[in-house]
PDB file of all heavy atoms in Angstrom:
ATOM      1  N   ARG A   1     -23.509   5.487   4.727  1.00  0.00           N
ATOM      2  CA  ARG A   1     -23.294   4.292   3.937  1.00  0.00           C
ATOM      3  C   ARG A   1     -23.349   3.052   4.794  1.00  0.00           C
ATOM      4  O   ARG A   1     -23.017   3.073   5.968  1.00  0.00           O
ATOM      5  CB  ARG A   1     -21.942   4.360   3.248  1.00  0.00           C
ATOM      6  CG  ARG A   1     -21.909   5.444   2.188  1.00  0.00           C
ATOM      7  CD  ARG A   1     -20.600   5.401   1.488  1.00  0.00           C
ATOM      8  NE  ARG A   1     -20.620   6.360   0.395  1.00  0.00           N
ATOM      9  CZ  ARG A   1     -19.635   6.476  -0.442  1.00  0.00           C
ATOM     10  NH1 ARG A   1     -18.595   5.720  -0.365  1.00  0.00           N
ATOM     11  NH2 ARG A   1     -19.698   7.367  -1.408  1.00  0.00           N
ATOM     12  N   PRO A   2     -23.764   1.915   4.228  1.00  0.00           N
ATOM     13  CA  PRO A   2     -23.787   0.684   4.997  1.00  0.00           C
ATOM     14  C   PRO A   2     -22.383   0.242   5.333  1.00  0.00           C
ATOM     15  O   PRO A   2     -21.440   0.472   4.609  1.00  0.00           O
ATOM     16  CB  PRO A   2     -24.457  -0.309   4.037  1.00  0.00           C
ATOM     17  CG  PRO A   2     -24.182   0.239   2.678  1.00  0.00           C
ATOM     18  CD  PRO A   2     -24.208   1.732   2.853  1.00  0.00           C
ATOM     19  N   GLY A   3     -22.280  -0.442   6.472  1.00  0.00           N
ATOM     20  CA  GLY A   3     -20.991  -0.998   6.849  1.00  0.00           C
ATOM     21  C   GLY A   3     -20.079   0.008   7.506  1.00  0.00           C
ATOM     22  O   GLY A   3     -18.874  -0.182   7.556  1.00  0.00           O
ATOM     23  N   ASP A   4     -20.642   1.106   8.086  1.00  0.00           N
ATOM     24  CA  ASP A   4     -19.795   2.115   8.701  1.00  0.00           C
ATOM     25  C   ASP A   4     -19.292   1.694  10.077  1.00  0.00           C
ATOM     26  O   ASP A   4     -18.511   2.393  10.694  1.00  0.00           O
ATOM     27  CB  ASP A   4     -20.572   3.433   8.852  1.00  0.00           C
ATOM     28  CG  ASP A   4     -20.611   4.186   7.550  1.00  0.00           C
ATOM     29  OD1 ASP A   4     -19.890   3.819   6.614  1.00  0.00           O
ATOM     30  OD2 ASP A   4     -21.372   5.138   7.480  1.00  0.00           O
ATOM     31  N   GLU A   5     -19.796   0.550  10.597  1.00  0.00           N
ATOM     32  CA  GLU A   5     -19.379   0.134  11.920  1.00  0.00           C
ATOM     33  C   GLU A   5     -17.888  -0.127  11.936  1.00  0.00           C
ATOM     34  O   GLU A   5     -17.355  -0.809  11.081  1.00  0.00           O
ATOM     35  CB  GLU A   5     -20.115  -1.144  12.337  1.00  0.00           C
ATOM     36  CG  GLU A   5     -21.619  -0.970  12.435  1.00  0.00           C
ATOM     37  CD  GLU A   5     -22.294  -1.079  11.085  1.00  0.00           C
ATOM     38  OE1 GLU A   5     -21.633  -1.495  10.130  1.00  0.00           O
ATOM     39  OE2 GLU A   5     -23.477  -0.772  11.011  1.00  0.00           O
ATOM     40  N   ALA A   6     -17.216   0.403  12.920  1.00  0.00           N
ATOM     41  CA  ALA A   6     -15.768   0.186  13.025  1.00  0.00           C
ATOM     42  C   ALA A   6     -15.504  -1.245  13.444  1.00  0.00           C
ATOM     43  O   ALA A   6     -16.185  -1.802  14.291  1.00  0.00           O
ATOM     44  CB  ALA A   6     -15.171   1.150  14.044  1.00  0.00           C
ATOM     45  N   LEU A   7     -14.513  -1.875  12.836  1.00  0.00           N
ATOM     46  CA  LEU A   7     -14.171  -3.245  13.154  1.00  0.00           C
ATOM     47  C   LEU A   7     -13.095  -3.334  14.220  1.00  0.00           C
ATOM     48  O   LEU A   7     -12.819  -4.406  14.733  1.00  0.00           O
ATOM     49  CB  LEU A   7     -13.674  -3.960  11.881  1.00  0.00           C
ATOM     50  CG  LEU A   7     -14.700  -4.106  10.766  1.00  0.00           C
ATOM     51  CD1 LEU A   7     -14.121  -4.956   9.657  1.00  0.00           C
ATOM     52  CD2 LEU A   7     -15.988  -4.727  11.263  1.00  0.00           C
ATOM     53  N   LEU A   8     -12.471  -2.210  14.534  1.00  0.00           N
ATOM     54  CA  LEU A   8     -11.341  -2.256  15.451  1.00  0.00           C
ATOM     55  C   LEU A   8     -11.837  -2.140  16.879  1.00  0.00           C
ATOM     56  O   LEU A   8     -11.968  -1.079  17.426  1.00  0.00           O
ATOM     57  CB  LEU A   8     -10.350  -1.130  15.158  1.00  0.00           C
ATOM     58  CG  LEU A   8      -9.100  -1.115  16.031  1.00  0.00           C
ATOM     59  CD1 LEU A   8      -8.284  -2.366  15.797  1.00  0.00           C
ATOM     60  CD2 LEU A   8      -8.277   0.104  15.782  1.00  0.00           C
ATOM     61  N   ASN A   9     -12.175  -3.277  17.504  1.00  0.00           N
ATOM     62  CA  ASN A   9     -12.556  -3.281  18.905  1.00  0.00           C
ATOM     63  C   ASN A   9     -11.414  -3.796  19.762  1.00  0.00           C
ATOM     64  O   ASN A   9     -11.533  -3.931  20.957  1.00  0.00           O
ATOM     65  CB  ASN A   9     -13.787  -4.162  19.123  1.00  0.00           C
ATOM     66  CG  ASN A   9     -15.012  -3.551  18.489  1.00  0.00           C
ATOM     67  OD1 ASN A   9     -15.167  -2.344  18.527  1.00  0.00           O
ATOM     68  ND2 ASN A   9     -15.859  -4.363  17.904  1.00  0.00           N
ATOM     69  N   GLY A  10     -10.330  -4.128  19.135  1.00  0.00           N
ATOM     70  CA  GLY A  10      -9.185  -4.638  19.859  1.00  0.00           C
ATOM     71  C   GLY A  10      -7.996  -4.635  18.953  1.00  0.00           C
ATOM     72  O   GLY A  10      -8.003  -4.025  17.905  1.00  0.00           O
ATOM     73  N   SER A  11      -6.987  -5.350  19.336  1.00  0.00           N
ATOM     74  CA  SER A  11      -5.771  -5.447  18.526  1.00  0.00           C
ATOM     75  C   SER A  11      -5.773  -6.770  17.826  1.00  0.00           C
ATOM     76  O   SER A  11      -5.434  -7.790  18.394  1.00  0.00           O
ATOM     77  CB  SER A  11      -4.544  -5.319  19.431  1.00  0.00           C
ATOM     78  OG  SER A  11      -3.380  -5.517  18.683  1.00  0.00           O
ATOM     79  N   PRO A  12      -6.260  -6.833  16.564  1.00  0.00           N
ATOM     80  CA  PRO A  12      -6.504  -8.099  15.923  1.00  0.00           C
ATOM     81  C   PRO A  12      -5.270  -8.917  15.638  1.00  0.00           C
ATOM     82  O   PRO A  12      -5.356 -10.094  15.466  1.00  0.00           O
ATOM     83  CB  PRO A  12      -7.195  -7.726  14.614  1.00  0.00           C
ATOM     84  CG  PRO A  12      -7.096  -6.275  14.471  1.00  0.00           C
ATOM     85  CD  PRO A  12      -6.573  -5.702  15.733  1.00  0.00           C
ATOM     86  N   GLY A  13      -4.135  -8.331  15.537  1.00  0.00           N
ATOM     87  CA  GLY A  13      -2.991  -9.150  15.211  1.00  0.00           C
ATOM     88  C   GLY A  13      -1.753  -8.734  15.967  1.00  0.00           C
ATOM     89  O   GLY A  13      -0.777  -9.458  16.036  1.00  0.00           O
ATOM     90  N   GLY A  14      -1.798  -7.553  16.555  1.00  0.00           N
ATOM     91  CA  GLY A  14      -0.629  -7.079  17.250  1.00  0.00           C
ATOM     92  C   GLY A  14      -0.648  -7.490  18.704  1.00  0.00           C
ATOM     93  O   GLY A  14      -1.550  -8.154  19.180  1.00  0.00           O
ATOM     94  N   ALA A  15       0.345  -7.091  19.440  1.00  0.00           N
ATOM     95  CA  ALA A  15       0.424  -7.416  20.853  1.00  0.00           C
ATOM     96  C   ALA A  15       0.679  -6.137  21.622  1.00  0.00           C
ATOM     97  O   ALA A  15       1.490  -5.328  21.258  1.00  0.00           O
ATOM     98  CB  ALA A  15       1.560  -8.405  21.103  1.00  0.00           C
ATOM     99  N   SER A  16      -0.059  -5.950  22.699  1.00  0.00           N
ATOM    100  CA  SER A  16       0.120  -4.761  23.521  1.00  0.00           C
ATOM    101  C   SER A  16       0.375  -5.195  24.947  1.00  0.00           C
ATOM    102  O   SER A  16      -0.105  -6.231  25.392  1.00  0.00           O
ATOM    103  CB  SER A  16      -1.123  -3.871  23.475  1.00  0.00           C
ATOM    104  OG  SER A  16      -1.297  -3.350  22.185  1.00  0.00           O
ATOM    105  N   ALA A  17       1.118  -4.383  25.651  1.00  0.00           N
ATOM    106  CA  ALA A  17       1.385  -4.689  27.049  1.00  0.00           C
ATOM    107  C   ALA A  17       0.117  -4.546  27.860  1.00  0.00           C
ATOM    108  O   ALA A  17      -0.713  -3.698  27.598  1.00  0.00           O
ATOM    109  CB  ALA A  17       2.443  -3.729  27.591  1.00  0.00           C
ATOM    110  N   SER A  18      -0.036  -5.401  28.859  1.00  0.00           N
ATOM    111  CA  SER A  18      -1.140  -5.255  29.787  1.00  0.00           C
ATOM    112  C   SER A  18      -0.852  -4.041  30.642  1.00  0.00           C
ATOM    113  O   SER A  18       0.226  -3.900  31.200  1.00  0.00           O
ATOM    114  CB  SER A  18      -1.248  -6.522  30.650  1.00  0.00           C
ATOM    115  OG  SER A  18      -2.325  -6.415  31.539  1.00  0.00           O
ATOM    116  N   ARG A  19      -1.840  -3.160  30.754  1.00  0.00           N
ATOM    117  CA  ARG A  19      -1.592  -1.883  31.389  1.00  0.00           C
ATOM    118  C   ARG A  19      -2.484  -1.688  32.601  1.00  0.00           C
ATOM    119  O   ARG A  19      -3.581  -2.212  32.678  1.00  0.00           O
ATOM    120  CB  ARG A  19      -1.832  -0.737  30.398  1.00  0.00           C
ATOM    121  CG  ARG A  19      -1.000  -0.817  29.129  1.00  0.00           C
ATOM    122  CD  ARG A  19      -1.460   0.279  28.194  1.00  0.00           C
ATOM    123  NE  ARG A  19      -0.647   0.332  26.997  1.00  0.00           N
ATOM    124  CZ  ARG A  19      -0.952  -0.317  25.881  1.00  0.00           C
ATOM    125  NH1 ARG A  19      -2.020  -1.065  25.815  1.00  0.00           N
ATOM    126  NH2 ARG A  19      -0.187  -0.210  24.816  1.00  0.00           N
ATOM    127  N   SER A  20      -2.041  -0.918  33.508  1.00  0.00           N
ATOM    128  CA  SER A  20      -2.866  -0.488  34.627  1.00  0.00           C
ATOM    129  C   SER A  20      -2.647   0.991  34.834  1.00  0.00           C
ATOM    130  O   SER A  20      -1.562   1.504  34.575  1.00  0.00           O
ATOM    131  CB  SER A  20      -2.516  -1.258  35.906  1.00  0.00           C
ATOM    132  OG  SER A  20      -1.199  -0.967  36.304  1.00  0.00           O
ATOM    133  N   ARG A  21      -3.679   1.667  35.306  1.00  0.00           N
ATOM    134  CA  ARG A  21      -3.582   3.112  35.474  1.00  0.00           C
ATOM    135  C   ARG A  21      -3.123   3.427  36.905  1.00  0.00           C
ATOM    136  O   ARG A  21      -3.659   2.907  37.871  1.00  0.00           O
ATOM    137  CB  ARG A  21      -4.945   3.752  35.202  1.00  0.00           C
ATOM    138  CG  ARG A  21      -4.876   5.240  35.040  1.00  0.00           C
ATOM    139  CD  ARG A  21      -6.219   5.846  34.774  1.00  0.00           C
ATOM    140  NE  ARG A  21      -6.867   5.260  33.614  1.00  0.00           N
ATOM    141  CZ  ARG A  21      -7.932   5.784  33.040  1.00  0.00           C
ATOM    142  NH1 ARG A  21      -8.456   6.885  33.501  1.00  0.00           N
ATOM    143  NH2 ARG A  21      -8.490   5.199  32.005  1.00  0.00           N
ATOM    144  N   THR A  22      -2.137   4.255  37.021  1.00  0.00           N
ATOM    145  CA  THR A  22      -1.644   4.656  38.326  1.00  0.00           C
ATOM    146  C   THR A  22      -1.675   6.156  38.426  1.00  0.00           C
ATOM    147  O   THR A  22      -1.702   6.875  37.434  1.00  0.00           O
ATOM    148  CB  THR A  22      -0.205   4.155  38.561  1.00  0.00           C
ATOM    149  OG1 THR A  22       0.646   4.752  37.580  1.00  0.00           O
ATOM    150  CG2 THR A  22      -0.120   2.637  38.438  1.00  0.00           C
ATOM    151  N   SER A  23      -1.658   6.648  39.629  1.00  0.00           N
ATOM    152  CA  SER A  23      -1.692   8.093  39.842  1.00  0.00           C
ATOM    153  C   SER A  23      -0.522   8.488  40.716  1.00  0.00           C
ATOM    154  O   SER A  23      -0.213   7.838  41.694  1.00  0.00           O
ATOM    155  CB  SER A  23      -3.010   8.487  40.511  1.00  0.00           C
ATOM    156  OG  SER A  23      -3.015   9.844  40.816  1.00  0.00           O
ATOM    157  N   SER A  24       0.143   9.557  40.325  1.00  0.00           N
ATOM    158  CA  SER A  24       1.268  10.063  41.108  1.00  0.00           C
ATOM    159  C   SER A  24       1.230  11.574  41.094  1.00  0.00           C
ATOM    160  O   SER A  24       1.376  12.186  40.046  1.00  0.00           O
ATOM    161  CB  SER A  24       2.588   9.554  40.529  1.00  0.00           C
ATOM    162  OG  SER A  24       3.686  10.134  41.206  1.00  0.00           O
ATOM    163  N   GLN A  25       0.993  12.174  42.292  1.00  0.00           N
ATOM    164  CA  GLN A  25       0.954  13.625  42.449  1.00  0.00           C
ATOM    165  C   GLN A  25      -0.016  14.251  41.466  1.00  0.00           C
ATOM    166  O   GLN A  25       0.259  15.258  40.841  1.00  0.00           O
ATOM    167  CB  GLN A  25       2.357  14.222  42.268  1.00  0.00           C
ATOM    168  CG  GLN A  25       3.346  13.745  43.327  1.00  0.00           C
ATOM    169  CD  GLN A  25       4.711  14.337  43.145  1.00  0.00           C
ATOM    170  OE1 GLN A  25       4.975  14.975  42.140  1.00  0.00           O
ATOM    171  NE2 GLN A  25       5.571  14.147  44.110  1.00  0.00           N
ATOM    172  N   GLY A  26      -1.207  13.607  41.339  1.00  0.00           N
ATOM    173  CA  GLY A  26      -2.274  14.165  40.515  1.00  0.00           C
ATOM    174  C   GLY A  26      -2.143  13.896  39.051  1.00  0.00           C
ATOM    175  O   GLY A  26      -3.006  14.274  38.279  1.00  0.00           O
ATOM    176  N   SER A  27      -1.047  13.276  38.582  1.00  0.00           N
ATOM    177  CA  SER A  27      -0.892  13.000  37.158  1.00  0.00           C
ATOM    178  C   SER A  27      -1.207  11.547  36.899  1.00  0.00           C
ATOM    179  O   SER A  27      -1.109  10.695  37.780  1.00  0.00           O
ATOM    180  CB  SER A  27       0.534  13.319  36.706  1.00  0.00           C
ATOM    181  OG  SER A  27       1.437  12.458  37.368  1.00  0.00           O
ATOM    182  N   ARG A  28      -1.604  11.233  35.638  1.00  0.00           N
ATOM    183  CA  ARG A  28      -1.941   9.871  35.261  1.00  0.00           C
ATOM    184  C   ARG A  28      -0.864   9.319  34.350  1.00  0.00           C
ATOM    185  O   ARG A  28      -0.333  10.006  33.510  1.00  0.00           O
ATOM    186  CB  ARG A  28      -3.288   9.832  34.528  1.00  0.00           C
ATOM    187  CG  ARG A  28      -4.448  10.259  35.386  1.00  0.00           C
ATOM    188  CD  ARG A  28      -5.739  10.066  34.653  1.00  0.00           C
ATOM    189  NE  ARG A  28      -5.754  10.816  33.398  1.00  0.00           N
ATOM    190  CZ  ARG A  28      -6.694  10.696  32.487  1.00  0.00           C
ATOM    191  NH1 ARG A  28      -7.673   9.854  32.650  1.00  0.00           N
ATOM    192  NH2 ARG A  28      -6.647  11.416  31.387  1.00  0.00           N
ATOM    193  N   SER A  29      -0.579   8.067  34.497  1.00  0.00           N
ATOM    194  CA  SER A  29       0.379   7.415  33.617  1.00  0.00           C
ATOM    195  C   SER A  29      -0.008   5.962  33.462  1.00  0.00           C
ATOM    196  O   SER A  29      -0.691   5.383  34.317  1.00  0.00           O
ATOM    197  CB  SER A  29       1.803   7.541  34.165  1.00  0.00           C
ATOM    198  OG  SER A  29       1.900   6.845  35.391  1.00  0.00           O
ATOM    199  N   TRP A  30       0.430   5.386  32.373  1.00  0.00           N
ATOM    200  CA  TRP A  30       0.197   3.962  32.114  1.00  0.00           C
ATOM    201  C   TRP A  30       1.513   3.232  32.357  1.00  0.00           C
ATOM    202  O   TRP A  30       2.551   3.644  31.883  1.00  0.00           O
ATOM    203  CB  TRP A  30      -0.250   3.748  30.665  1.00  0.00           C
ATOM    204  CG  TRP A  30      -1.603   4.283  30.410  1.00  0.00           C
ATOM    205  CD1 TRP A  30      -1.930   5.523  29.975  1.00  0.00           C
ATOM    206  CD2 TRP A  30      -2.835   3.596  30.600  1.00  0.00           C
ATOM    207  NE1 TRP A  30      -3.274   5.666  29.870  1.00  0.00           N
ATOM    208  CE2 TRP A  30      -3.864   4.498  30.251  1.00  0.00           C
ATOM    209  CE3 TRP A  30      -3.187   2.313  31.032  1.00  0.00           C
ATOM    210  CZ2 TRP A  30      -5.199   4.156  30.312  1.00  0.00           C
ATOM    211  CZ3 TRP A  30      -4.520   1.975  31.091  1.00  0.00           C
ATOM    212  CH2 TRP A  30      -5.507   2.885  30.745  1.00  0.00           C
ATOM    213  N   GLN A  31       1.442   2.127  33.115  1.00  0.00           N
ATOM    214  CA  GLN A  31       2.638   1.370  33.437  1.00  0.00           C
ATOM    215  C   GLN A  31       2.399  -0.110  33.188  1.00  0.00           C
ATOM    216  O   GLN A  31       1.269  -0.593  33.290  1.00  0.00           O
ATOM    217  CB  GLN A  31       3.032   1.575  34.900  1.00  0.00           C
ATOM    218  CG  GLN A  31       3.418   3.020  35.226  1.00  0.00           C
ATOM    219  CD  GLN A  31       3.817   3.155  36.677  1.00  0.00           C
ATOM    220  OE1 GLN A  31       3.490   2.313  37.498  1.00  0.00           O
ATOM    221  NE2 GLN A  31       4.545   4.211  36.975  1.00  0.00           N
ATOM    222  N   LEU A  32       3.450  -0.834  32.900  1.00  0.00           N
ATOM    223  CA  LEU A  32       3.352  -2.281  32.802  1.00  0.00           C
ATOM    224  C   LEU A  32       3.086  -2.836  34.192  1.00  0.00           C
ATOM    225  O   LEU A  32       3.663  -2.381  35.181  1.00  0.00           O
ATOM    226  CB  LEU A  32       4.658  -2.861  32.238  1.00  0.00           C
ATOM    227  CG  LEU A  32       4.923  -2.524  30.778  1.00  0.00           C
ATOM    228  CD1 LEU A  32       6.366  -2.898  30.421  1.00  0.00           C
ATOM    229  CD2 LEU A  32       3.957  -3.271  29.897  1.00  0.00           C
ATOM    230  N   ARG A  33       2.232  -3.857  34.263  1.00  0.00           N
ATOM    231  CA  ARG A  33       1.846  -4.363  35.577  1.00  0.00           C
ATOM    232  C   ARG A  33       3.011  -5.009  36.318  1.00  0.00           C
ATOM    233  O   ARG A  33       3.169  -4.856  37.506  1.00  0.00           O
ATOM    234  CB  ARG A  33       0.701  -5.365  35.413  1.00  0.00           C
ATOM    235  CG  ARG A  33      -0.614  -4.674  35.068  1.00  0.00           C
ATOM    236  CD  ARG A  33      -1.713  -5.681  34.822  1.00  0.00           C
ATOM    237  NE  ARG A  33      -2.979  -4.997  34.604  1.00  0.00           N
ATOM    238  CZ  ARG A  33      -4.075  -5.583  34.164  1.00  0.00           C
ATOM    239  NH1 ARG A  33      -4.082  -6.858  33.885  1.00  0.00           N
ATOM    240  NH2 ARG A  33      -5.170  -4.896  33.995  1.00  0.00           N
ATOM    241  N   ASP A  34       3.820  -5.768  35.609  1.00  0.00           N
ATOM    242  CA  ASP A  34       4.947  -6.410  36.264  1.00  0.00           C
ATOM    243  C   ASP A  34       5.929  -6.881  35.204  1.00  0.00           C
ATOM    244  O   ASP A  34       5.712  -6.728  34.014  1.00  0.00           O
ATOM    245  CB  ASP A  34       4.487  -7.586  37.136  1.00  0.00           C
ATOM    246  CG  ASP A  34       3.503  -8.481  36.412  1.00  0.00           C
ATOM    247  OD1 ASP A  34       3.693  -8.690  35.185  1.00  0.00           O
ATOM    248  OD2 ASP A  34       2.559  -8.968  37.038  1.00  0.00           O
ATOM    249  N   GLN A  35       7.021  -7.474  35.655  1.00  0.00           N
ATOM    250  CA  GLN A  35       8.043  -7.933  34.724  1.00  0.00           C
ATOM    251  C   GLN A  35       7.514  -9.030  33.821  1.00  0.00           C
ATOM    252  O   GLN A  35       7.937  -9.172  32.677  1.00  0.00           O
ATOM    253  CB  GLN A  35       9.270  -8.424  35.506  1.00  0.00           C
ATOM    254  CG  GLN A  35      10.024  -7.314  36.222  1.00  0.00           C
ATOM    255  CD  GLN A  35      10.527  -6.287  35.225  1.00  0.00           C
ATOM    256  OE1 GLN A  35      11.004  -6.622  34.145  1.00  0.00           O
ATOM    257  NE2 GLN A  35      10.419  -5.014  35.597  1.00  0.00           N
ATOM    258  N   LYS A  36       6.563  -9.815  34.309  1.00  0.00           N
ATOM    259  CA  LYS A  36       5.974 -10.867  33.497  1.00  0.00           C
ATOM    260  C   LYS A  36       5.260 -10.279  32.300  1.00  0.00           C
ATOM    261  O   LYS A  36       5.352 -10.782  31.177  1.00  0.00           O
ATOM    262  CB  LYS A  36       5.002 -11.704  34.330  1.00  0.00           C
ATOM    263  CG  LYS A  36       4.382 -12.859  33.559  1.00  0.00           C
ATOM    264  CD  LYS A  36       3.451 -13.661  34.463  1.00  0.00           C
ATOM    265  CE  LYS A  36       2.809 -14.805  33.685  1.00  0.00           C
ATOM    266  NZ  LYS A  36       1.873 -15.588  34.533  1.00  0.00           N
ATOM    267  N   SER A  37       4.542  -9.179  32.516  1.00  0.00           N
ATOM    268  CA  SER A  37       3.839  -8.527  31.410  1.00  0.00           C
ATOM    269  C   SER A  37       4.826  -8.016  30.373  1.00  0.00           C
ATOM    270  O   SER A  37       4.590  -8.089  29.175  1.00  0.00           O
ATOM    271  CB  SER A  37       2.991  -7.360  31.935  1.00  0.00           C
ATOM    272  OG  SER A  37       1.973  -7.842  32.783  1.00  0.00           O
ATOM    273  N   TRP A  38       5.964  -7.466  30.862  1.00  0.00           N
ATOM    274  CA  TRP A  38       6.973  -6.967  29.928  1.00  0.00           C
ATOM    275  C   TRP A  38       7.538  -8.105  29.090  1.00  0.00           C
ATOM    276  O   TRP A  38       7.742  -7.963  27.895  1.00  0.00           O
ATOM    277  CB  TRP A  38       8.084  -6.275  30.703  1.00  0.00           C
ATOM    278  CG  TRP A  38       9.216  -5.838  29.829  1.00  0.00           C
ATOM    279  CD1 TRP A  38      10.463  -6.377  29.754  1.00  0.00           C
ATOM    280  CD2 TRP A  38       9.193  -4.782  28.881  1.00  0.00           C
ATOM    281  NE1 TRP A  38      11.217  -5.727  28.824  1.00  0.00           N
ATOM    282  CE2 TRP A  38      10.461  -4.735  28.268  1.00  0.00           C
ATOM    283  CE3 TRP A  38       8.221  -3.857  28.482  1.00  0.00           C
ATOM    284  CZ2 TRP A  38      10.781  -3.813  27.290  1.00  0.00           C
ATOM    285  CZ3 TRP A  38       8.552  -2.938  27.525  1.00  0.00           C
ATOM    286  CH2 TRP A  38       9.810  -2.920  26.924  1.00  0.00           C
ATOM    287  N   LYS A  39       7.780  -9.257  29.714  1.00  0.00           N
ATOM    288  CA  LYS A  39       8.301 -10.394  28.967  1.00  0.00           C
ATOM    289  C   LYS A  39       7.271 -10.881  27.945  1.00  0.00           C
ATOM    290  O   LYS A  39       7.600 -11.224  26.812  1.00  0.00           O
ATOM    291  CB  LYS A  39       8.666 -11.537  29.915  1.00  0.00           C
ATOM    292  CG  LYS A  39       9.367 -12.709  29.214  1.00  0.00           C
ATOM    293  CD  LYS A  39       9.779 -13.768  30.202  1.00  0.00           C
ATOM    294  CE  LYS A  39      10.623 -14.839  29.488  1.00  0.00           C
ATOM    295  NZ  LYS A  39       9.932 -15.437  28.350  1.00  0.00           N
ATOM    296  N   GLN A  40       5.980 -10.871  28.327  1.00  0.00           N
ATOM    297  CA  GLN A  40       4.934 -11.281  27.388  1.00  0.00           C
ATOM    298  C   GLN A  40       4.916 -10.338  26.187  1.00  0.00           C
ATOM    299  O   GLN A  40       4.740 -10.763  25.044  1.00  0.00           O
ATOM    300  CB  GLN A  40       3.568 -11.277  28.080  1.00  0.00           C
ATOM    301  CG  GLN A  40       3.402 -12.397  29.102  1.00  0.00           C
ATOM    302  CD  GLN A  40       2.095 -12.267  29.852  1.00  0.00           C
ATOM    303  OE1 GLN A  40       1.466 -11.215  29.847  1.00  0.00           O
ATOM    304  NE2 GLN A  40       1.697 -13.337  30.501  1.00  0.00           N
ATOM    305  N   LEU A  41       5.109  -9.042  26.443  1.00  0.00           N
ATOM    306  CA  LEU A  41       5.105  -8.072  25.356  1.00  0.00           C
ATOM    307  C   LEU A  41       6.265  -8.315  24.400  1.00  0.00           C
ATOM    308  O   LEU A  41       6.091  -8.381  23.182  1.00  0.00           O
ATOM    309  CB  LEU A  41       5.177  -6.651  25.923  1.00  0.00           C
ATOM    310  CG  LEU A  41       5.373  -5.532  24.890  1.00  0.00           C
ATOM    311  CD1 LEU A  41       4.207  -5.494  23.928  1.00  0.00           C
ATOM    312  CD2 LEU A  41       5.535  -4.196  25.589  1.00  0.00           C
ATOM    313  N   THR A  42       7.481  -8.447  24.960  1.00  0.00           N
ATOM    314  CA  THR A  42       8.637  -8.622  24.084  1.00  0.00           C
ATOM    315  C   THR A  42       8.566  -9.940  23.325  1.00  0.00           C
ATOM    316  O   THR A  42       8.920 -10.006  22.150  1.00  0.00           O
ATOM    317  CB  THR A  42       9.931  -8.565  24.915  1.00  0.00           C
ATOM    318  OG1 THR A  42       9.853  -9.521  25.985  1.00  0.00           O
ATOM    319  CG2 THR A  42      10.142  -7.185  25.509  1.00  0.00           C
TER     320      THR A  42
END
């Protein structure tokens, strides 16, 4: 059908924390970059 393109390429109205990927003992986790990012999120 026409118009099947997804419109969600980002967060159009919500707010998400800025994230960076870190590695610890072979595992992956997402963490807030710094306290400033946490304040921006809240």
